[in-house]
Amino acid sequence: MSSGVPSGLVDNEGKVDTNVKMTDLLYLLIHLPEMGTLIERIHSEKSPFSLICNLPADFRESPTVWQFHFLPLFDNEKSYMGTFFHAHEFLFLSPLDYVDGIQPYAVTTEKPNKLFTDKEWKVLFFTMHRFSSKEIARRLNIATSTTEHHIKSLYEKLNVHSAFELRTFGKSQGFDRYIPVNMLPRSCVNSVGGAV
């Protein structure tokens, strides 16, 4: 709790104790209608779970994608004592990144530049993760020809001639760290993988 890691504890009576960084994050979360559901879930399930949330920062910073972990604590008699929770920037690492020796990196929902339309950013997101035109079209619920038109537009704007060149250039510009905000779970309380 004294470290710089945002953390806190909810005891079995519902009393919340947090450090300063977590207090700031909770202040942003408290205004979300899903917060009541989250608190109920902590008290009823008493099982570990995680959630991913895109929280707006102050006016000087872009929103940050946070991952929260909730870990129930039990005494030797298996009586529930409370739930410890902490947060960190959501870190991502694909298997290919791991093979290439790249370290996990924080993702952002802020577009790296204004060069592309919203739809082009979505197509670029999937292209950076090696999806085919057909897979992208299915994910975005658009025609394959529309996807290919967007990919061609991306090539022209970046002066590249293949998906490999696009991914290489995109990595050098941090495009691989961008995730469209609507690709995150619909609500802040959607857990990642459900309760363990």
N, C-alpha and C. Protein backbone atom coordinates (compact mmCIF):
# COMPACT_ATOMS: atom_id res chain seq x y z
N MET A 1 0.83 -1.20 0.00
CA MET A 1 0.00 0.00 0.00
C MET A 1 0.87 1.26 0.00
N SER A 2 2.08 1.16 0.54
CA SER A 2 2.94 2.34 0.57
C SER A 2 3.73 2.50 -0.72
N SER A 3 3.66 1.52 -1.60
CA SER A 3 4.40 1.63 -2.86
C SER A 3 3.66 2.55 -3.83
N GLY A 4 4.29 2.82 -4.94
CA GLY A 4 3.68 3.66 -5.96
C GLY A 4 2.64 2.95 -6.79
N VAL A 5 2.45 1.64 -6.55
CA VAL A 5 1.47 0.87 -7.31
C VAL A 5 0.08 1.19 -6.76
N PRO A 6 -0.87 1.58 -7.64
CA PRO A 6 -2.23 1.83 -7.15
C PRO A 6 -2.80 0.55 -6.54
N SER A 7 -3.19 0.61 -5.26
CA SER A 7 -3.68 -0.58 -4.60
C SER A 7 -4.64 -0.21 -3.48
N GLY A 8 -5.34 -1.21 -2.99
CA GLY A 8 -6.28 -0.98 -1.91
C GLY A 8 -6.80 -2.29 -1.34
N LEU A 9 -7.62 -2.16 -0.33
CA LEU A 9 -8.20 -3.31 0.34
C LEU A 9 -9.63 -2.98 0.74
N VAL A 10 -10.54 -3.92 0.47
CA VAL A 10 -11.92 -3.83 0.96
C VAL A 10 -12.05 -4.94 1.99
N ASP A 11 -12.35 -4.58 3.25
CA ASP A 11 -12.45 -5.63 4.26
C ASP A 11 -13.83 -6.30 4.19
N ASN A 12 -14.03 -7.32 5.03
CA ASN A 12 -15.28 -8.09 4.97
C ASN A 12 -16.49 -7.29 5.40
N GLU A 13 -16.29 -6.10 5.96
CA GLU A 13 -17.42 -5.24 6.33
C GLU A 13 -17.67 -4.15 5.29
N GLY A 14 -16.85 -4.13 4.25
CA GLY A 14 -17.05 -3.16 3.18
C GLY A 14 -16.24 -1.88 3.32
N LYS A 15 -15.40 -1.78 4.34
CA LYS A 15 -14.56 -0.60 4.51
C LYS A 15 -13.42 -0.64 3.48
N VAL A 16 -13.22 0.48 2.79
CA VAL A 16 -12.22 0.56 1.73
C VAL A 16 -11.04 1.38 2.22
N ASP A 17 -9.83 0.86 2.02
CA ASP A 17 -8.60 1.57 2.35
C ASP A 17 -7.71 1.52 1.12
N THR A 18 -7.30 2.68 0.60
CA THR A 18 -6.49 2.73 -0.61
C THR A 18 -5.33 3.69 -0.45
N ASN A 19 -4.33 3.52 -1.33
CA ASN A 19 -3.26 4.51 -1.37
C ASN A 19 -3.70 5.65 -2.29
N VAL A 20 -2.90 6.70 -2.37
CA VAL A 20 -3.28 7.91 -3.10
C VAL A 20 -3.56 7.63 -4.58
N LYS A 21 -2.69 6.83 -5.21
CA LYS A 21 -2.88 6.57 -6.65
C LYS A 21 -4.19 5.83 -6.91
N MET A 22 -4.51 4.86 -6.06
CA MET A 22 -5.77 4.12 -6.25
C MET A 22 -6.96 5.03 -5.95
N THR A 23 -6.82 5.90 -4.97
CA THR A 23 -7.91 6.84 -4.66
C THR A 23 -8.25 7.67 -5.89
N ASP A 24 -7.23 8.13 -6.61
CA ASP A 24 -7.46 8.91 -7.84
C ASP A 24 -8.19 8.08 -8.89
N LEU A 25 -7.78 6.81 -9.06
CA LEU A 25 -8.44 5.94 -10.04
C LEU A 25 -9.88 5.66 -9.62
N LEU A 26 -10.09 5.39 -8.35
CA LEU A 26 -11.45 5.11 -7.88
C LEU A 26 -12.36 6.32 -8.05
N TYR A 27 -11.80 7.51 -7.88
CA TYR A 27 -12.59 8.72 -8.09
C TYR A 27 -13.13 8.76 -9.52
N LEU A 28 -12.29 8.33 -10.50
CA LEU A 28 -12.73 8.30 -11.89
C LEU A 28 -13.76 7.18 -12.10
N LEU A 29 -13.57 6.06 -11.42
CA LEU A 29 -14.47 4.92 -11.58
C LEU A 29 -15.82 5.13 -10.90
N ILE A 30 -15.83 5.84 -9.79
CA ILE A 30 -17.02 5.94 -8.95
C ILE A 30 -18.22 6.53 -9.69
N HIS A 31 -17.96 7.30 -10.73
CA HIS A 31 -19.05 7.94 -11.47
C HIS A 31 -19.67 7.02 -12.51
N LEU A 32 -19.09 5.84 -12.69
CA LEU A 32 -19.65 4.89 -13.65
C LEU A 32 -20.76 4.08 -13.00
N PRO A 33 -21.88 3.88 -13.72
CA PRO A 33 -22.98 3.12 -13.13
C PRO A 33 -22.60 1.68 -12.82
N GLU A 34 -21.59 1.16 -13.51
CA GLU A 34 -21.17 -0.23 -13.30
C GLU A 34 -20.45 -0.43 -11.96
N MET A 35 -20.06 0.65 -11.30
CA MET A 35 -19.30 0.55 -10.06
C MET A 35 -20.08 -0.20 -8.99
N GLY A 36 -21.39 0.03 -8.90
CA GLY A 36 -22.22 -0.70 -7.94
C GLY A 36 -22.17 -2.20 -8.19
N THR A 37 -22.22 -2.59 -9.45
CA THR A 37 -22.14 -4.00 -9.83
C THR A 37 -20.80 -4.59 -9.41
N LEU A 38 -19.74 -3.81 -9.59
CA LEU A 38 -18.41 -4.28 -9.23
C LEU A 38 -18.32 -4.54 -7.72
N ILE A 39 -18.80 -3.61 -6.92
CA ILE A 39 -18.75 -3.76 -5.46
C ILE A 39 -19.57 -4.98 -5.02
N GLU A 40 -20.74 -5.17 -5.63
CA GLU A 40 -21.56 -6.35 -5.31
C GLU A 40 -20.81 -7.63 -5.68
N ARG A 41 -20.13 -7.60 -6.81
CA ARG A 41 -19.40 -8.78 -7.26
C ARG A 41 -18.28 -9.13 -6.29
N ILE A 42 -17.57 -8.11 -5.80
CA ILE A 42 -16.49 -8.35 -4.84
C ILE A 42 -17.04 -9.07 -3.61
N HIS A 43 -18.18 -8.60 -3.08
CA HIS A 43 -18.73 -9.18 -1.85
C HIS A 43 -19.42 -10.52 -2.07
N SER A 44 -20.02 -10.74 -3.24
CA SER A 44 -20.76 -11.98 -3.44
C SER A 44 -19.88 -13.13 -3.94
N GLU A 45 -19.00 -12.87 -4.91
CA GLU A 45 -18.25 -13.97 -5.51
C GLU A 45 -17.06 -14.41 -4.68
N LYS A 46 -16.40 -13.47 -4.06
CA LYS A 46 -15.22 -13.80 -3.25
C LYS A 46 -14.24 -14.68 -4.02
N SER A 47 -14.06 -14.36 -5.31
CA SER A 47 -13.11 -15.09 -6.15
C SER A 47 -12.28 -14.07 -6.93
N PRO A 48 -11.08 -14.46 -7.35
CA PRO A 48 -10.24 -13.51 -8.09
C PRO A 48 -10.86 -13.17 -9.44
N PHE A 49 -10.72 -11.94 -9.86
CA PHE A 49 -11.10 -11.56 -11.21
C PHE A 49 -10.36 -10.30 -11.61
N SER A 50 -10.38 -10.01 -12.89
CA SER A 50 -9.70 -8.84 -13.44
C SER A 50 -10.67 -8.08 -14.32
N LEU A 51 -10.37 -6.82 -14.52
CA LEU A 51 -11.14 -6.04 -15.49
C LEU A 51 -10.21 -5.05 -16.16
N ILE A 52 -10.59 -4.66 -17.35
CA ILE A 52 -9.84 -3.66 -18.12
C ILE A 52 -10.74 -2.45 -18.27
N CYS A 53 -10.17 -1.28 -18.06
CA CYS A 53 -10.96 -0.06 -18.08
C CYS A 53 -10.15 1.08 -18.70
N ASN A 54 -10.76 1.83 -19.58
CA ASN A 54 -10.13 3.00 -20.18
C ASN A 54 -10.58 4.21 -19.38
N LEU A 55 -9.66 4.77 -18.60
CA LEU A 55 -10.01 5.88 -17.73
C LEU A 55 -9.45 7.19 -18.25
N PRO A 56 -10.28 8.22 -18.27
CA PRO A 56 -9.76 9.52 -18.69
C PRO A 56 -8.80 10.05 -17.65
N ALA A 57 -7.72 10.63 -18.14
CA ALA A 57 -6.77 11.25 -17.23
C ALA A 57 -7.12 12.73 -17.10
N ASP A 58 -6.24 13.50 -16.49
CA ASP A 58 -6.52 14.92 -16.42
C ASP A 58 -6.37 15.55 -17.80
N PHE A 59 -6.64 16.82 -17.91
CA PHE A 59 -6.69 17.48 -19.21
C PHE A 59 -5.36 17.48 -19.95
N ARG A 60 -4.27 17.20 -19.27
CA ARG A 60 -2.95 17.22 -19.91
C ARG A 60 -2.55 15.87 -20.47
N GLU A 61 -3.23 14.81 -20.09
CA GLU A 61 -2.84 13.47 -20.50
C GLU A 61 -3.98 12.77 -21.23
N SER A 62 -3.59 11.80 -22.05
CA SER A 62 -4.61 11.01 -22.76
C SER A 62 -5.15 9.94 -21.82
N PRO A 63 -6.34 9.39 -22.15
CA PRO A 63 -6.88 8.30 -21.33
C PRO A 63 -5.90 7.12 -21.31
N THR A 64 -5.92 6.39 -20.22
CA THR A 64 -5.02 5.26 -20.05
C THR A 64 -5.86 3.99 -19.90
N VAL A 65 -5.38 2.92 -20.50
CA VAL A 65 -6.03 1.62 -20.36
C VAL A 65 -5.42 0.95 -19.13
N TRP A 66 -6.26 0.72 -18.11
CA TRP A 66 -5.81 0.12 -16.86
C TRP A 66 -6.34 -1.29 -16.73
N GLN A 67 -5.56 -2.14 -16.10
CA GLN A 67 -6.03 -3.48 -15.75
C GLN A 67 -6.06 -3.55 -14.22
N PHE A 68 -7.22 -3.91 -13.69
CA PHE A 68 -7.42 -4.04 -12.25
C PHE A 68 -7.48 -5.53 -11.90
N HIS A 69 -6.86 -5.91 -10.80
CA HIS A 69 -6.88 -7.29 -10.31
C HIS A 69 -7.48 -7.29 -8.91
N PHE A 70 -8.42 -8.18 -8.67
CA PHE A 70 -9.09 -8.31 -7.38
C PHE A 70 -8.80 -9.70 -6.82
N LEU A 71 -8.18 -9.74 -5.64
CA LEU A 71 -7.75 -11.00 -5.04
C LEU A 71 -8.34 -11.15 -3.64
N PRO A 72 -9.24 -12.11 -3.44
CA PRO A 72 -9.84 -12.29 -2.11
C PRO A 72 -8.82 -12.85 -1.12
N LEU A 73 -8.97 -12.45 0.13
CA LEU A 73 -8.09 -12.92 1.20
C LEU A 73 -8.91 -13.72 2.21
N PHE A 74 -8.35 -14.87 2.61
CA PHE A 74 -9.04 -15.75 3.57
C PHE A 74 -8.08 -16.07 4.71
N ASP A 75 -8.62 -16.29 5.91
CA ASP A 75 -7.77 -16.67 7.03
C ASP A 75 -7.58 -18.19 7.02
N ASN A 76 -6.89 -18.71 8.05
CA ASN A 76 -6.59 -20.16 8.10
C ASN A 76 -7.85 -21.02 8.18
N GLU A 77 -8.95 -20.45 8.68
CA GLU A 77 -10.21 -21.20 8.77
C GLU A 77 -11.07 -20.99 7.52
N LYS A 78 -10.50 -20.39 6.51
CA LYS A 78 -11.16 -20.11 5.22
C LYS A 78 -12.31 -19.13 5.34
N SER A 79 -12.25 -18.26 6.33
CA SER A 79 -13.23 -17.18 6.46
C SER A 79 -12.75 -15.99 5.63
N TYR A 80 -13.68 -15.39 4.93
CA TYR A 80 -13.35 -14.25 4.07
C TYR A 80 -12.95 -13.05 4.92
N MET A 81 -11.76 -12.50 4.64
CA MET A 81 -11.26 -11.34 5.38
C MET A 81 -11.44 -10.04 4.58
N GLY A 82 -11.45 -10.15 3.27
CA GLY A 82 -11.55 -8.97 2.42
C GLY A 82 -10.96 -9.24 1.05
N THR A 83 -10.88 -8.19 0.25
CA THR A 83 -10.32 -8.32 -1.11
C THR A 83 -9.25 -7.26 -1.31
N PHE A 84 -8.06 -7.72 -1.66
CA PHE A 84 -6.98 -6.82 -2.02
C PHE A 84 -7.10 -6.54 -3.51
N PHE A 85 -6.86 -5.31 -3.92
CA PHE A 85 -6.91 -4.99 -5.35
C PHE A 85 -5.78 -4.03 -5.70
N HIS A 86 -5.33 -4.15 -6.93
CA HIS A 86 -4.28 -3.26 -7.44
C HIS A 86 -4.51 -3.05 -8.93
N ALA A 87 -3.85 -2.05 -9.46
CA ALA A 87 -4.02 -1.71 -10.88
C ALA A 87 -2.67 -1.41 -11.50
N HIS A 88 -2.60 -1.60 -12.79
CA HIS A 88 -1.42 -1.20 -13.56
C HIS A 88 -1.87 -0.90 -14.98
N GLU A 89 -1.05 -0.18 -15.69
CA GLU A 89 -1.38 0.05 -17.09
C GLU A 89 -1.48 -1.30 -17.77
N PHE A 90 -2.48 -1.44 -18.64
CA PHE A 90 -2.66 -2.70 -19.35
C PHE A 90 -1.47 -2.94 -20.26
N LEU A 91 -0.78 -4.05 -20.04
CA LEU A 91 0.39 -4.39 -20.85
C LEU A 91 0.03 -5.48 -21.83
N PHE A 92 0.62 -5.38 -23.01
CA PHE A 92 0.32 -6.33 -24.07
C PHE A 92 1.60 -6.94 -24.59
N LEU A 93 1.53 -8.20 -24.96
CA LEU A 93 2.65 -8.88 -25.60
C LEU A 93 2.07 -10.03 -26.41
N SER A 94 2.25 -9.97 -27.71
CA SER A 94 1.78 -11.06 -28.56
C SER A 94 2.84 -12.16 -28.56
N PRO A 95 2.47 -13.37 -28.93
CA PRO A 95 3.47 -14.44 -29.02
C PRO A 95 4.61 -14.08 -29.98
N LEU A 96 4.29 -13.41 -31.10
CA LEU A 96 5.35 -13.01 -32.03
C LEU A 96 6.28 -11.98 -31.41
N ASP A 97 5.73 -11.06 -30.62
CA ASP A 97 6.58 -10.10 -29.91
C ASP A 97 7.51 -10.84 -28.96
N TYR A 98 6.98 -11.84 -28.27
CA TYR A 98 7.78 -12.62 -27.33
C TYR A 98 8.93 -13.30 -28.07
N VAL A 99 8.64 -13.92 -29.21
CA VAL A 99 9.66 -14.59 -30.00
C VAL A 99 10.73 -13.60 -30.45
N ASP A 100 10.30 -12.37 -30.78
CA ASP A 100 11.24 -11.33 -31.22
C ASP A 100 11.98 -10.67 -30.06
N GLY A 101 11.71 -11.09 -28.83
CA GLY A 101 12.41 -10.55 -27.67
C GLY A 101 11.94 -9.17 -27.23
N ILE A 102 10.73 -8.80 -27.62
CA ILE A 102 10.18 -7.49 -27.25
C ILE A 102 9.56 -7.59 -25.86
N GLN A 103 9.70 -6.54 -25.06
CA GLN A 103 9.12 -6.47 -23.73
C GLN A 103 7.64 -6.09 -23.81
N PRO A 104 6.82 -6.51 -22.84
CA PRO A 104 5.42 -6.06 -22.83
C PRO A 104 5.35 -4.54 -22.82
N TYR A 105 4.34 -4.00 -23.46
CA TYR A 105 4.21 -2.55 -23.56
C TYR A 105 2.77 -2.14 -23.27
N ALA A 106 2.63 -0.90 -22.80
CA ALA A 106 1.31 -0.35 -22.50
C ALA A 106 0.60 0.00 -23.79
N VAL A 107 -0.70 -0.26 -23.83
CA VAL A 107 -1.50 0.11 -24.99
C VAL A 107 -2.17 1.44 -24.72
N THR A 108 -2.60 2.08 -25.79
CA THR A 108 -3.27 3.37 -25.66
C THR A 108 -4.51 3.40 -26.55
N THR A 109 -5.48 4.18 -26.15
CA THR A 109 -6.68 4.38 -26.97
C THR A 109 -6.61 5.71 -27.71
N GLU A 110 -5.49 6.41 -27.56
CA GLU A 110 -5.32 7.67 -28.26
C GLU A 110 -4.62 7.41 -29.59
N LYS A 111 -5.21 7.86 -30.67
CA LYS A 111 -4.65 7.64 -32.00
C LYS A 111 -3.27 8.32 -32.08
N PRO A 112 -2.27 7.60 -32.62
CA PRO A 112 -0.92 8.17 -32.72
C PRO A 112 -0.84 9.42 -33.61
N ASN A 113 -1.76 9.54 -34.56
CA ASN A 113 -1.79 10.75 -35.40
C ASN A 113 -3.18 10.88 -36.01
N LYS A 114 -3.38 11.91 -36.81
CA LYS A 114 -4.69 12.17 -37.42
C LYS A 114 -4.69 11.86 -38.91
N LEU A 115 -3.77 11.00 -39.32
CA LEU A 115 -3.60 10.70 -40.74
C LEU A 115 -4.73 9.84 -41.31
N PHE A 116 -5.36 9.03 -40.47
CA PHE A 116 -6.34 8.06 -40.95
C PHE A 116 -7.75 8.37 -40.43
N THR A 117 -8.74 7.85 -41.15
CA THR A 117 -10.13 7.93 -40.68
C THR A 117 -10.32 6.90 -39.56
N ASP A 118 -11.44 6.98 -38.85
CA ASP A 118 -11.73 6.01 -37.79
C ASP A 118 -11.76 4.60 -38.34
N LYS A 119 -12.39 4.42 -39.48
CA LYS A 119 -12.48 3.07 -40.08
C LYS A 119 -11.10 2.57 -40.48
N GLU A 120 -10.26 3.46 -41.03
CA GLU A 120 -8.90 3.06 -41.40
C GLU A 120 -8.09 2.65 -40.17
N TRP A 121 -8.29 3.35 -39.04
CA TRP A 121 -7.59 2.96 -37.81
C TRP A 121 -8.01 1.56 -37.37
N LYS A 122 -9.30 1.25 -37.51
CA LYS A 122 -9.76 -0.09 -37.13
C LYS A 122 -9.15 -1.15 -38.04
N VAL A 123 -9.14 -0.88 -39.34
CA VAL A 123 -8.53 -1.81 -40.29
C VAL A 123 -7.04 -1.95 -39.99
N LEU A 124 -6.37 -0.84 -39.71
CA LEU A 124 -4.94 -0.86 -39.39
C LEU A 124 -4.69 -1.68 -38.12
N PHE A 125 -5.56 -1.53 -37.12
CA PHE A 125 -5.42 -2.30 -35.88
C PHE A 125 -5.37 -3.80 -36.19
N PHE A 126 -6.31 -4.28 -36.99
CA PHE A 126 -6.34 -5.71 -37.31
C PHE A 126 -5.20 -6.11 -38.24
N THR A 127 -4.82 -5.23 -39.14
CA THR A 127 -3.70 -5.51 -40.05
C THR A 127 -2.41 -5.65 -39.26
N MET A 128 -2.22 -4.78 -38.26
CA MET A 128 -1.02 -4.86 -37.43
C MET A 128 -0.95 -6.20 -36.69
N HIS A 129 -2.09 -6.83 -36.47
CA HIS A 129 -2.14 -8.12 -35.78
C HIS A 129 -2.31 -9.28 -36.75
N ARG A 130 -1.97 -9.03 -38.03
CA ARG A 130 -1.87 -10.06 -39.07
C ARG A 130 -3.20 -10.71 -39.46
N PHE A 131 -4.30 -9.98 -39.34
CA PHE A 131 -5.57 -10.50 -39.80
C PHE A 131 -5.64 -10.36 -41.32
N SER A 132 -6.30 -11.31 -41.98
CA SER A 132 -6.51 -11.23 -43.43
C SER A 132 -7.64 -10.25 -43.72
N SER A 133 -7.77 -9.87 -44.98
CA SER A 133 -8.87 -8.96 -45.39
C SER A 133 -10.23 -9.56 -45.04
N LYS A 134 -10.38 -10.86 -45.26
CA LYS A 134 -11.65 -11.52 -44.95
C LYS A 134 -11.94 -11.49 -43.45
N GLU A 135 -10.91 -11.75 -42.65
CA GLU A 135 -11.09 -11.73 -41.19
C GLU A 135 -11.44 -10.33 -40.70
N ILE A 136 -10.77 -9.33 -41.26
CA ILE A 136 -11.05 -7.94 -40.87
C ILE A 136 -12.48 -7.57 -41.25
N ALA A 137 -12.87 -7.94 -42.46
CA ALA A 137 -14.23 -7.63 -42.93
C ALA A 137 -15.27 -8.26 -42.01
N ARG A 138 -15.04 -9.50 -41.61
CA ARG A 138 -15.97 -10.19 -40.72
C ARG A 138 -16.03 -9.48 -39.37
N ARG A 139 -14.88 -9.12 -38.82
CA ARG A 139 -14.84 -8.45 -37.50
C ARG A 139 -15.53 -7.09 -37.53
N LEU A 140 -15.36 -6.35 -38.63
CA LEU A 140 -15.92 -5.00 -38.73
C LEU A 140 -17.29 -4.97 -39.40
N ASN A 141 -17.76 -6.15 -39.81
CA ASN A 141 -19.07 -6.26 -40.45
C ASN A 141 -19.16 -5.38 -41.70
N ILE A 142 -18.12 -5.46 -42.52
CA ILE A 142 -18.08 -4.74 -43.80
C ILE A 142 -17.67 -5.72 -44.89
N ALA A 143 -17.83 -5.31 -46.13
CA ALA A 143 -17.47 -6.18 -47.26
C ALA A 143 -15.95 -6.31 -47.36
N THR A 144 -15.50 -7.45 -47.85
CA THR A 144 -14.06 -7.67 -48.05
C THR A 144 -13.50 -6.62 -49.00
N SER A 145 -14.26 -6.26 -50.01
CA SER A 145 -13.79 -5.24 -50.96
C SER A 145 -13.61 -3.88 -50.27
N THR A 146 -14.47 -3.58 -49.31
CA THR A 146 -14.33 -2.33 -48.54
C THR A 146 -13.06 -2.38 -47.70
N THR A 147 -12.81 -3.53 -47.08
CA THR A 147 -11.58 -3.69 -46.30
C THR A 147 -10.37 -3.50 -47.18
N GLU A 148 -10.38 -4.13 -48.36
CA GLU A 148 -9.24 -4.00 -49.28
C GLU A 148 -9.06 -2.56 -49.75
N HIS A 149 -10.16 -1.83 -49.91
CA HIS A 149 -10.07 -0.41 -50.28
C HIS A 149 -9.38 0.37 -49.16
N HIS A 150 -9.74 0.09 -47.90
CA HIS A 150 -9.11 0.77 -46.76
C HIS A 150 -7.62 0.42 -46.68
N ILE A 151 -7.28 -0.84 -46.92
CA ILE A 151 -5.87 -1.25 -46.87
C ILE A 151 -5.08 -0.54 -47.97
N LYS A 152 -5.67 -0.45 -49.15
CA LYS A 152 -5.00 0.27 -50.26
C LYS A 152 -4.79 1.74 -49.88
N SER A 153 -5.77 2.34 -49.26
CA SER A 153 -5.65 3.73 -48.82
C SER A 153 -4.52 3.88 -47.79
N LEU A 154 -4.42 2.91 -46.87
CA LEU A 154 -3.34 2.93 -45.88
C LEU A 154 -1.98 2.85 -46.56
N TYR A 155 -1.86 1.94 -47.53
CA TYR A 155 -0.61 1.80 -48.28
C TYR A 155 -0.22 3.12 -48.94
N GLU A 156 -1.20 3.76 -49.58
CA GLU A 156 -0.92 5.02 -50.28
C GLU A 156 -0.50 6.11 -49.31
N LYS A 157 -1.21 6.24 -48.21
CA LYS A 157 -0.89 7.29 -47.24
C LYS A 157 0.47 7.11 -46.61
N LEU A 158 0.90 5.85 -46.44
CA LEU A 158 2.18 5.57 -45.79
C LEU A 158 3.30 5.27 -46.78
N ASN A 159 2.95 5.23 -48.07
CA ASN A 159 3.93 4.92 -49.12
C ASN A 159 4.62 3.58 -48.86
N VAL A 160 3.79 2.57 -48.58
CA VAL A 160 4.28 1.20 -48.43
C VAL A 160 3.59 0.33 -49.48
N HIS A 161 4.13 -0.88 -49.70
CA HIS A 161 3.62 -1.71 -50.81
C HIS A 161 3.23 -3.12 -50.40
N SER A 162 3.31 -3.43 -49.11
CA SER A 162 2.92 -4.76 -48.66
C SER A 162 2.51 -4.70 -47.19
N ALA A 163 1.86 -5.77 -46.76
CA ALA A 163 1.44 -5.85 -45.36
C ALA A 163 2.67 -5.87 -44.45
N PHE A 164 3.74 -6.53 -44.88
CA PHE A 164 4.96 -6.57 -44.09
C PHE A 164 5.53 -5.16 -43.90
N GLU A 165 5.61 -4.38 -44.99
CA GLU A 165 6.10 -3.00 -44.90
C GLU A 165 5.19 -2.16 -44.01
N LEU A 166 3.89 -2.39 -44.12
CA LEU A 166 2.93 -1.65 -43.30
C LEU A 166 3.15 -1.95 -41.81
N ARG A 167 3.30 -3.23 -41.46
CA ARG A 167 3.53 -3.60 -40.06
C ARG A 167 4.87 -3.07 -39.56
N THR A 168 5.90 -3.15 -40.39
CA THR A 168 7.22 -2.65 -39.99
C THR A 168 7.17 -1.15 -39.73
N PHE A 169 6.57 -0.40 -40.66
CA PHE A 169 6.44 1.04 -40.48
C PHE A 169 5.56 1.35 -39.27
N GLY A 170 4.45 0.61 -39.15
CA GLY A 170 3.53 0.82 -38.03
C GLY A 170 4.19 0.61 -36.68
N LYS A 171 5.02 -0.42 -36.56
CA LYS A 171 5.74 -0.65 -35.30
C LYS A 171 6.68 0.51 -34.99
N SER A 172 7.34 1.03 -36.02
CA SER A 172 8.27 2.14 -35.79
C SER A 172 7.55 3.41 -35.33
N GLN A 173 6.25 3.51 -35.64
CA GLN A 173 5.46 4.69 -35.27
C GLN A 173 4.56 4.45 -34.06
N GLY A 174 4.61 3.25 -33.48
CA GLY A 174 3.80 2.95 -32.31
C GLY A 174 2.35 2.59 -32.63
N PHE A 175 2.04 2.30 -33.90
CA PHE A 175 0.68 1.93 -34.27
C PHE A 175 0.25 0.63 -33.60
N ASP A 176 1.22 -0.25 -33.31
CA ASP A 176 0.90 -1.52 -32.69
C ASP A 176 0.47 -1.36 -31.23
N ARG A 177 0.70 -0.20 -30.66
CA ARG A 177 0.32 0.07 -29.27
C ARG A 177 -1.07 0.70 -29.16
N TYR A 178 -1.67 1.00 -30.29
CA TYR A 178 -2.99 1.64 -30.32
C TYR A 178 -4.09 0.58 -30.41
N ILE A 179 -5.11 0.75 -29.59
CA ILE A 179 -6.30 -0.09 -29.67
C ILE A 179 -7.51 0.84 -29.72
N PRO A 180 -8.36 0.70 -30.74
CA PRO A 180 -9.56 1.54 -30.78
C PRO A 180 -10.39 1.32 -29.52
N VAL A 181 -10.84 2.42 -28.94
CA VAL A 181 -11.53 2.34 -27.65
C VAL A 181 -12.75 1.43 -27.71
N ASN A 182 -13.43 1.36 -28.86
CA ASN A 182 -14.61 0.50 -28.94
C ASN A 182 -14.26 -0.98 -29.08
N MET A 183 -12.96 -1.30 -29.13
CA MET A 183 -12.53 -2.70 -29.14
C MET A 183 -12.39 -3.23 -27.70
N LEU A 184 -12.35 -2.31 -26.73
CA LEU A 184 -12.29 -2.73 -25.33
C LEU A 184 -13.66 -3.25 -24.92
N PRO A 185 -13.72 -3.99 -23.81
CA PRO A 185 -15.03 -4.47 -23.34
C PRO A 185 -16.03 -3.32 -23.22
N ARG A 186 -17.29 -3.60 -23.49
CA ARG A 186 -18.33 -2.56 -23.52
C ARG A 186 -18.42 -1.77 -22.22
N SER A 187 -18.28 -2.44 -21.11
CA SER A 187 -18.34 -1.70 -19.86
C SER A 187 -17.05 -1.91 -19.10
N CYS A 188 -16.80 -1.05 -18.20
CA CYS A 188 -15.59 -1.11 -17.39
C CYS A 188 -15.54 -2.36 -16.55
N VAL A 189 -16.67 -2.97 -16.30
CA VAL A 189 -16.72 -4.08 -15.37
C VAL A 189 -16.64 -5.44 -16.06
N ASN A 190 -16.61 -5.47 -17.38
CA ASN A 190 -16.45 -6.76 -18.05
C ASN A 190 -15.14 -7.37 -17.64
N SER A 191 -15.19 -8.55 -17.09
CA SER A 191 -13.95 -9.16 -16.61
C SER A 191 -13.21 -9.80 -17.75
N VAL A 192 -11.93 -9.94 -17.56
CA VAL A 192 -11.07 -10.58 -18.55
C VAL A 192 -11.02 -12.05 -18.20
N GLY A 193 -11.66 -12.87 -19.00
CA GLY A 193 -11.64 -14.29 -18.77
C GLY A 193 -12.56 -14.77 -17.66
N GLY A 194 -13.34 -13.90 -17.11
CA GLY A 194 -14.27 -14.29 -16.05
C GLY A 194 -13.56 -14.57 -14.75
N ALA A 195 -14.29 -15.01 -13.80
CA ALA A 195 -13.72 -15.34 -12.49
C ALA A 195 -12.89 -16.59 -12.61
N VAL A 196 -11.78 -16.62 -11.89
CA VAL A 196 -10.89 -17.78 -11.91
C VAL A 196 -11.37 -18.82 -10.93
